[in-house]
């Protein structure tokens, strides 16, 4: 990630932060866009992805009143603005051990698909966040540990786009896991309650809210020992499988 100030503000998403092989993780890209809003990435903010965010490519940032647009050669990649969404509470609050066991049950472990190498949820990424969501027993809820390290922090504080990224991947609808259905993030709305320090041990949880045609709706949250510290709502769009 790089920013240039003044009239020509830009972002460049590093190759490390991919979701699908040739584009950025959607939540990560959304968090970068939200950072340009007056409220910052803490939100509440809404980001809609219009094109797959490219990697290692200069993207222009255009401020338009209270909104932000991210462009590639004039084509709209993402747009961000304030959110008035109501963020639901998680239906259950698993501890770290329960979240780790859920991650181990992720049905795509050992399976190659469009998301295997995702920086956030890819089970094959030693340099990733390892927020690989698996289903909790007897609940339509996914969970995974989220333990960000110094490589995703500045001065000991985890960069906010990493929180958006974790909220994104854990919200992947549980009924779509382990099937031929692949979905990509369309819209993410998020609110971050406080900063997170590198090395904190958090739990990420996600659960479905419904569906309409190719759209899947879900919610997610990040939990610390004291309670919910971040919340999100997501809209996913199904795409043809491999």
Protein backbone atom coordinates (compact mmCIF):
# COMPACT_ATOMS: atom_id res chain seq x y z
CA UNK A 1 0.00 0.00 0.00
CA UNK A 2 1.27 3.47 -0.87
CA UNK A 3 -0.35 6.88 -0.69
CA UNK A 4 0.60 10.08 -2.48
CA UNK A 5 -0.79 13.32 -1.15
CA UNK A 6 -2.05 16.51 -2.72
CA UNK A 7 -4.26 16.66 -5.79
CA UNK A 8 -3.17 13.27 -7.11
CA UNK A 9 -3.96 10.89 -4.26
CA UNK A 10 -3.34 7.26 -5.14
CA UNK A 11 -3.21 3.83 -3.59
CA UNK A 12 -1.25 0.81 -4.75
CA UNK A 13 -2.24 -2.57 -3.31
CA UNK A 14 0.74 -4.84 -2.82
CA UNK A 15 0.78 -8.33 -4.27
CA UNK A 16 0.82 -9.85 -0.77
CA UNK A 17 -2.74 -8.72 -0.16
CA UNK A 18 -4.56 -10.74 -2.81
CA UNK A 19 -7.92 -12.42 -2.45
CA UNK A 20 -8.44 -14.30 -5.71
CA UNK A 21 -5.12 -14.87 -7.50
CA UNK A 22 -5.06 -11.70 -9.61
CA UNK A 23 -6.91 -9.17 -7.45
CA UNK A 24 -6.94 -7.77 -3.94
CA UNK A 25 -8.82 -9.16 -1.00
CA UNK A 26 -12.13 -7.32 -1.07
CA UNK A 27 -12.24 -6.38 2.60
CA UNK A 28 -8.67 -5.12 2.51
CA UNK A 29 -9.41 -2.94 -0.52
CA UNK A 30 -12.62 -1.71 1.11
CA UNK A 31 -10.74 -0.68 4.24
CA UNK A 32 -8.22 1.28 2.17
CA UNK A 33 -11.03 3.15 0.43
CA UNK A 34 -12.85 3.84 3.71
CA UNK A 35 -9.70 5.42 5.16
CA UNK A 36 -10.17 8.40 2.83
CA UNK A 37 -13.59 9.25 4.29
CA UNK A 38 -13.97 12.00 6.87
CA UNK A 39 -14.74 9.34 9.49
CA UNK A 40 -11.70 7.30 8.48
CA UNK A 41 -11.69 3.52 8.30
CA UNK A 42 -13.29 3.38 11.75
CA UNK A 43 -16.59 4.22 10.11
CA UNK A 44 -19.36 3.49 10.14
CA UNK A 45 -18.65 3.28 6.43
CA UNK A 46 -19.98 1.49 3.36
CA UNK A 47 -17.76 0.40 0.47
CA UNK A 48 -19.02 -1.16 -2.76
CA UNK A 49 -16.62 -2.91 -5.12
CA UNK A 50 -17.45 -2.38 -8.80
CA UNK A 51 -14.44 -4.15 -10.35
CA UNK A 52 -11.88 -6.57 -8.93
CA UNK A 53 -9.28 -4.32 -7.25
CA UNK A 54 -6.02 -4.89 -9.14
CA UNK A 55 -2.65 -5.56 -7.51
CA UNK A 56 0.51 -3.47 -7.94
CA UNK A 57 -1.42 -0.93 -9.99
CA UNK A 58 -1.80 2.80 -9.24
CA UNK A 59 -5.41 3.59 -8.39
CA UNK A 60 -6.65 7.18 -8.29
CA UNK A 61 -8.62 8.36 -5.27
CA UNK A 62 -11.23 11.04 -5.95
CA UNK A 63 -13.06 12.78 -3.11
CA UNK A 64 -16.59 13.84 -4.03
CA UNK A 65 -18.34 15.60 -1.16
CA UNK A 66 -18.77 13.00 1.56
CA UNK A 67 -17.96 10.12 -0.79
CA UNK A 68 -14.78 8.62 -2.20
CA UNK A 69 -14.25 6.92 -5.54
CA UNK A 70 -11.32 4.69 -6.44
CA UNK A 71 -10.54 4.58 -10.17
CA UNK A 72 -8.29 2.66 -12.52
CA UNK A 73 -7.70 4.60 -15.72
CA UNK A 74 -11.06 6.28 -15.18
CA UNK A 75 -12.99 3.05 -14.52
CA UNK A 76 -14.73 2.82 -11.15
CA UNK A 77 -13.17 0.15 -8.94
CA UNK A 78 -14.74 1.05 -5.59
CA UNK A 79 -16.87 3.73 -3.99
CA UNK A 80 -17.08 4.55 -0.31
CA UNK A 81 -19.39 6.64 1.83
CA UNK A 82 -20.92 6.85 5.29
CA UNK A 83 -23.12 3.98 6.46
CA UNK A 84 -26.34 4.14 8.45
CA UNK A 85 -26.58 0.36 8.77
CA UNK A 86 -27.66 -1.37 11.94
CA UNK A 87 -25.02 -3.91 12.89
CA UNK A 88 -26.46 -6.96 14.65
CA UNK A 89 -24.87 -8.60 17.67
CA UNK A 90 -23.27 -12.01 17.10
CA UNK A 91 -25.64 -14.85 18.01
CA UNK A 92 -22.84 -16.65 19.89
CA UNK A 93 -19.47 -15.60 21.27
CA UNK A 94 -16.97 -18.45 21.02
CA UNK A 95 -13.66 -18.35 22.84
CA UNK A 96 -10.27 -18.73 21.17
CA UNK A 97 -10.14 -22.50 21.62
CA UNK A 98 -13.59 -22.94 20.07
CA UNK A 99 -12.62 -20.64 17.20
CA UNK A 100 -9.43 -22.62 16.57
CA UNK A 101 -11.36 -25.89 16.44
CA UNK A 102 -13.84 -24.30 14.03
CA UNK A 103 -10.98 -23.18 11.77
CA UNK A 104 -9.67 -26.73 11.69
CA UNK A 105 -13.08 -27.85 10.39
CA UNK A 106 -13.00 -25.51 7.39
CA UNK A 107 -14.24 -27.72 4.53
CA UNK A 108 -11.88 -26.31 1.89
CA UNK A 109 -8.65 -27.17 3.72
CA UNK A 110 -6.63 -29.19 1.21
CA UNK A 111 -8.89 -28.12 -1.67
CA UNK A 112 -7.71 -25.80 -4.44
CA UNK A 113 -10.18 -23.15 -5.56
CA UNK A 114 -10.35 -19.43 -6.30
CA UNK A 115 -9.83 -18.51 -2.63
CA UNK A 116 -7.16 -21.02 -1.57
CA UNK A 117 -4.38 -18.43 -1.75
CA UNK A 118 -6.30 -15.52 -0.19
CA UNK A 119 -4.09 -13.43 2.09
CA UNK A 120 -6.81 -13.38 4.74
CA UNK A 121 -8.55 -16.76 4.72
CA UNK A 122 -6.32 -18.91 2.52
CA UNK A 123 -5.29 -22.01 4.43
CA UNK A 124 -2.10 -22.23 2.39
CA UNK A 125 -0.78 -18.76 3.25
CA UNK A 126 1.98 -18.86 5.85
CA UNK A 127 2.27 -15.06 5.53
CA UNK A 128 -1.49 -14.49 5.75
CA UNK A 129 -3.92 -13.62 8.52
CA UNK A 130 -5.22 -17.23 8.73
CA UNK A 131 -8.80 -16.13 9.33
CA UNK A 132 -10.01 -19.38 7.77
CA UNK A 133 -13.61 -19.60 9.00
CA UNK A 134 -15.09 -22.93 9.99
CA UNK A 135 -18.53 -23.72 11.28
CA UNK A 136 -19.26 -23.92 15.00
CA UNK A 137 -21.09 -27.04 16.20
CA UNK A 138 -24.87 -26.72 16.38
CA UNK A 139 -24.84 -23.14 15.06
CA UNK A 140 -25.09 -21.47 11.67
CA UNK A 141 -22.05 -19.40 12.62
CA UNK A 142 -18.46 -19.46 11.41
CA UNK A 143 -15.46 -18.57 13.53
CA UNK A 144 -11.68 -18.31 13.40
CA UNK A 145 -8.94 -16.86 15.58
CA UNK A 146 -7.59 -13.48 14.48
CA UNK A 147 -4.11 -12.83 15.85
CA UNK A 148 -2.52 -10.07 13.75
CA UNK A 149 1.26 -9.68 14.00
CA UNK A 150 3.74 -6.84 13.54
CA UNK A 151 3.85 -7.26 9.76
CA UNK A 152 0.33 -5.83 9.47
CA UNK A 153 0.84 -3.07 12.03
CA UNK A 154 2.38 0.40 12.22
CA UNK A 155 3.95 1.45 15.52
CA UNK A 156 2.33 -1.53 17.16
CA UNK A 157 -1.21 -0.71 15.97
CA UNK A 158 -2.83 -3.04 13.44
CA UNK A 159 -3.71 -1.16 10.28
CA UNK A 160 -7.50 -0.72 10.08
CA UNK A 161 -7.77 -2.28 6.62
CA UNK A 162 -6.65 -5.55 8.24
CA UNK A 163 -9.71 -5.42 10.50
CA UNK A 164 -11.90 -4.85 7.46
CA UNK A 165 -10.20 -7.81 5.80
CA UNK A 166 -10.91 -10.11 8.75
CA UNK A 167 -14.53 -8.94 8.93
CA UNK A 168 -14.83 -9.69 5.21
CA UNK A 169 -13.57 -13.26 5.11
CA UNK A 170 -15.25 -14.50 8.27
CA UNK A 171 -18.58 -13.28 6.88
CA UNK A 172 -18.37 -15.77 3.98
CA UNK A 173 -21.76 -17.54 4.23
CA UNK A 174 -21.35 -20.91 5.96
CA UNK A 175 -23.85 -22.68 3.70
CA UNK A 176 -21.63 -21.84 0.71
CA UNK A 177 -18.52 -23.43 2.20
CA UNK A 178 -17.56 -26.84 0.89
CA UNK A 179 -19.87 -26.53 -2.11
CA UNK A 180 -19.36 -25.61 -5.75
CA UNK A 181 -20.63 -22.11 -4.93
CA UNK A 182 -17.96 -19.40 -4.95
CA UNK A 183 -18.90 -15.89 -3.88
CA UNK A 184 -16.96 -12.63 -4.03
CA UNK A 185 -17.48 -9.55 -1.91
CA UNK A 186 -19.78 -6.92 -3.39
CA UNK A 187 -20.37 -4.51 -0.50
CA UNK A 188 -18.97 -4.26 3.01
CA UNK A 189 -20.23 -1.93 5.73
CA UNK A 190 -18.18 -1.77 8.90
CA UNK A 191 -17.72 0.03 12.19
CA UNK A 192 -14.50 -0.29 14.19
CA UNK A 193 -14.86 0.46 17.89
CA UNK A 194 -11.20 0.70 18.90
CA UNK A 195 -7.64 0.19 17.78
CA UNK A 196 -6.12 -3.29 17.88
CA UNK A 197 -2.54 -3.87 18.94
CA UNK A 198 -0.26 -6.35 17.19
CA UNK A 199 -0.27 -9.63 19.05
CA UNK A 200 -3.80 -9.27 20.41
CA UNK A 201 -5.72 -12.53 20.39
CA UNK A 202 -9.17 -11.94 18.93
CA UNK A 203 -11.99 -14.11 17.62
CA UNK A 204 -13.71 -13.40 14.30
CA UNK A 205 -17.29 -14.62 13.84
CA UNK A 206 -19.69 -14.48 10.88
CA UNK A 207 -23.25 -15.58 10.25
CA UNK A 208 -25.79 -15.45 7.39
CA UNK A 209 -28.62 -12.94 7.10
CA UNK A 210 -30.36 -14.24 3.96
CA UNK A 211 -30.11 -14.30 0.19
CA UNK A 212 -31.73 -12.94 -2.96
CA UNK A 213 -30.83 -14.45 -6.31
CA UNK A 214 -27.06 -14.32 -6.68
CA UNK A 215 -26.70 -12.08 -3.61
CA UNK A 216 -25.84 -13.55 -0.21
CA UNK A 217 -26.16 -11.38 2.90
CA UNK A 218 -24.18 -11.86 6.09
CA UNK A 219 -22.82 -10.16 9.20
CA UNK A 220 -19.59 -10.45 11.16
CA UNK A 221 -17.85 -9.22 14.27
CA UNK A 222 -14.47 -9.20 15.98
CA UNK A 223 -14.43 -10.19 19.64
CA UNK A 224 -11.91 -9.49 22.37
CA UNK A 225 -12.01 -10.58 25.98
CA UNK A 226 -14.12 -7.52 26.82
CA UNK A 227 -16.67 -8.00 24.03
CA UNK A 228 -17.42 -6.87 20.48
CA UNK A 229 -14.88 -4.40 19.11
CA UNK A 230 -15.88 -4.30 15.41
CA UNK A 231 -18.97 -5.18 13.37
CA UNK A 232 -19.83 -5.50 9.71
CA UNK A 233 -22.52 -6.38 7.20
CA UNK A 234 -21.60 -7.90 3.84
CA UNK A 235 -23.20 -8.57 0.48
CA UNK A 236 -21.61 -11.40 -1.51
CA UNK A 237 -22.15 -12.15 -5.20
CA UNK A 238 -21.96 -15.75 -6.40
CA UNK A 239 -19.77 -16.46 -9.43
CA UNK A 240 -19.30 -19.59 -11.55
CA UNK A 241 -17.17 -22.21 -9.84
CA UNK A 242 -13.89 -23.58 -11.21
